[in-house]
Amino acid sequence: MFIHRLALALGKTVRELLADLTTSELHDWQQFDAQAGLPDIAAQWQRAAAISVAGAIAGSNLETSEYVPLMAWDKTPATAQDIAKAFGNG
């Protein structure tokens, strides 16, 4: 299950991850997970959905995906306008 969680966290399929990952890198990722933990992507989406519903009730029109923290596969840094929009100031 670790490989699946790692693939999800990195935005890759298991096949892609296994094709690119060395044994040493896999060991390093396991150590990282043991010490800091991989992000729980499913929990992030569940929280985002709950926040999105609450926001909709309050009049926000942001999509659920806009409440999910930056994902590994999203290489575009947030702008000041993005941050302001996420906090309802933009």
C-alpha atoms as a PDB file:
ATOM      1  CA  MET A   1       0.000   0.000   0.000  1.00  0.00           C
ATOM      2  CA  PHE A   2       2.960   2.337   0.564  1.00  0.00           C
ATOM      3  CA  ILE A   3       3.786   2.411  -3.162  1.00  0.00           C
ATOM      4  CA  HIS A   4       0.174   3.317  -3.956  1.00  0.00           C
ATOM      5  CA  ARG A   5       0.144   6.133  -1.378  1.00  0.00           C
ATOM      6  CA  LEU A   6       3.463   7.438  -2.692  1.00  0.00           C
ATOM      7  CA  ALA A   7       2.247   7.337  -6.292  1.00  0.00           C
ATOM      8  CA  LEU A   8      -0.897   9.238  -5.332  1.00  0.00           C
ATOM      9  CA  ALA A   9       1.117  11.838  -3.407  1.00  0.00           C
ATOM     10  CA  LEU A  10       3.455  12.354  -6.378  1.00  0.00           C
ATOM     11  CA  GLY A  11       0.708  12.385  -8.990  1.00  0.00           C
ATOM     12  CA  LYS A  12       1.959   9.288 -10.797  1.00  0.00           C
ATOM     13  CA  THR A  13       0.628   5.849 -11.527  1.00  0.00           C
ATOM     14  CA  VAL A  14       2.242   2.954  -9.682  1.00  0.00           C
ATOM     15  CA  ARG A  15       3.724   1.779 -12.984  1.00  0.00           C
ATOM     16  CA  GLU A  16       5.279   5.210 -13.650  1.00  0.00           C
ATOM     17  CA  LEU A  17       6.642   5.409 -10.133  1.00  0.00           C
ATOM     18  CA  LEU A  18       8.192   1.949 -10.208  1.00  0.00           C
ATOM     19  CA  ALA A  19       9.778   2.663 -13.595  1.00  0.00           C
ATOM     20  CA  ASP A  20      11.465   5.815 -12.267  1.00  0.00           C
ATOM     21  CA  LEU A  21      12.237   4.939  -8.644  1.00  0.00           C
ATOM     22  CA  THR A  22      15.555   3.442  -7.571  1.00  0.00           C
ATOM     23  CA  THR A  23      15.832   1.147  -4.560  1.00  0.00           C
ATOM     24  CA  SER A  24      17.710   3.893  -2.730  1.00  0.00           C
ATOM     25  CA  GLU A  25      14.985   6.455  -3.474  1.00  0.00           C
ATOM     26  CA  LEU A  26      12.302   4.020  -2.340  1.00  0.00           C
ATOM     27  CA  HIS A  27      14.161   3.531   0.939  1.00  0.00           C
ATOM     28  CA  ASP A  28      14.470   7.314   1.369  1.00  0.00           C
ATOM     29  CA  TRP A  29      10.743   7.762   0.740  1.00  0.00           C
ATOM     30  CA  GLN A  30       9.954   5.057   3.307  1.00  0.00           C
ATOM     31  CA  GLN A  31      12.177   6.856   5.832  1.00  0.00           C
ATOM     32  CA  PHE A  32      10.459  10.137   5.002  1.00  0.00           C
ATOM     33  CA  ASP A  33       7.058   8.552   5.480  1.00  0.00           C
ATOM     34  CA  ALA A  34       8.125   7.053   8.807  1.00  0.00           C
ATOM     35  CA  GLN A  35       9.346  10.414  10.099  1.00  0.00           C
ATOM     36  CA  ALA A  36       7.074  13.006   8.494  1.00  0.00           C
ATOM     37  CA  GLY A  37       4.305  11.027   6.821  1.00  0.00           C
ATOM     38  CA  LEU A  38       3.022  11.296   3.279  1.00  0.00           C
ATOM     39  CA  PRO A  39       0.075  13.626   2.759  1.00  0.00           C
ATOM     40  CA  ASP A  40      -3.335  12.003   3.102  1.00  0.00           C
ATOM     41  CA  ILE A  41      -4.784  13.013  -0.261  1.00  0.00           C
ATOM     42  CA  ALA A  42      -8.208  11.462   0.408  1.00  0.00           C
ATOM     43  CA  ALA A  43      -8.543  13.333   3.705  1.00  0.00           C
ATOM     44  CA  GLN A  44      -7.529  16.589   2.008  1.00  0.00           C
ATOM     45  CA  TRP A  45     -10.297  16.153  -0.575  1.00  0.00           C
ATOM     46  CA  GLN A  46     -12.834  15.273   2.131  1.00  0.00           C
ATOM     47  CA  ARG A  47     -11.960  18.429   4.076  1.00  0.00           C
ATOM     48  CA  ALA A  48     -12.055  20.474   0.870  1.00  0.00           C
ATOM     49  CA  ALA A  49     -15.527  19.142   0.062  1.00  0.00           C
ATOM     50  CA  ALA A  50     -16.813  20.056   3.515  1.00  0.00           C
ATOM     51  CA  ILE A  51     -15.293  23.540   3.290  1.00  0.00           C
ATOM     52  CA  SER A  52     -16.706  23.960  -0.220  1.00  0.00           C
ATOM     53  CA  VAL A  53     -20.217  23.139   0.996  1.00  0.00           C
ATOM     54  CA  ALA A  54     -19.890  25.571   3.895  1.00  0.00           C
ATOM     55  CA  GLY A  55     -18.541  28.193   1.496  1.00  0.00           C
ATOM     56  CA  ALA A  56     -21.422  27.649  -0.913  1.00  0.00           C
ATOM     57  CA  ILE A  57     -23.886  28.192   1.915  1.00  0.00           C
ATOM     58  CA  ALA A  58     -22.074  31.437   2.704  1.00  0.00           C
ATOM     59  CA  GLY A  59     -22.235  32.520  -0.954  1.00  0.00           C
ATOM     60  CA  SER A  60     -18.815  31.457  -2.243  1.00  0.00           C
ATOM     61  CA  ASN A  61     -18.578  30.005  -5.732  1.00  0.00           C
ATOM     62  CA  LEU A  62     -15.135  28.373  -5.373  1.00  0.00           C
ATOM     63  CA  GLU A  63     -14.767  24.799  -6.587  1.00  0.00           C
ATOM     64  CA  THR A  64     -13.875  22.017  -4.162  1.00  0.00           C
ATOM     65  CA  SER A  65     -10.483  21.656  -5.866  1.00  0.00           C
ATOM     66  CA  GLU A  66      -9.644  25.246  -4.927  1.00  0.00           C
ATOM     67  CA  TYR A  67      -9.643  24.259  -1.243  1.00  0.00           C
ATOM     68  CA  VAL A  68      -7.147  21.407  -1.675  1.00  0.00           C
ATOM     69  CA  PRO A  69      -3.543  22.222  -0.729  1.00  0.00           C
ATOM     70  CA  LEU A  70      -1.011  22.450  -3.536  1.00  0.00           C
ATOM     71  CA  MET A  71      -0.513  18.987  -4.994  1.00  0.00           C
ATOM     72  CA  ALA A  72       2.852  17.579  -6.026  1.00  0.00           C
ATOM     73  CA  TRP A  73       1.786  17.498  -9.658  1.00  0.00           C
ATOM     74  CA  ASP A  74       0.637  21.145  -9.659  1.00  0.00           C
ATOM     75  CA  LYS A  75       3.872  22.953 -10.468  1.00  0.00           C
ATOM     76  CA  THR A  76       2.248  26.389 -10.721  1.00  0.00           C
ATOM     77  CA  PRO A  77       2.984  28.499  -7.640  1.00  0.00           C
ATOM     78  CA  ALA A  78       0.062  30.355  -6.140  1.00  0.00           C
ATOM     79  CA  THR A  79      -0.067  34.079  -6.855  1.00  0.00           C
ATOM     80  CA  ALA A  80      -1.051  36.734  -4.327  1.00  0.00           C
ATOM     81  CA  GLN A  81      -4.426  36.921  -6.135  1.00  0.00           C
ATOM     82  CA  ASP A  82      -4.896  33.142  -5.777  1.00  0.00           C
ATOM     83  CA  ILE A  83      -4.256  33.358  -2.052  1.00  0.00           C
ATOM     84  CA  ALA A  84      -6.568  36.342  -1.633  1.00  0.00           C
ATOM     85  CA  LYS A  85      -9.293  34.512  -3.595  1.00  0.00           C
ATOM     86  CA  ALA A  86      -8.927  31.400  -1.415  1.00  0.00           C
ATOM     87  CA  PHE A  87      -9.418  33.514   1.710  1.00  0.00           C
ATOM     88  CA  GLY A  88     -12.328  35.477   0.254  1.00  0.00           C
ATOM     89  CA  ASN A  89     -10.390  38.747  -0.094  1.00  0.00           C
ATOM     90  CA  GLY A  90     -10.027  38.768  -3.866  1.00  0.00           C
END
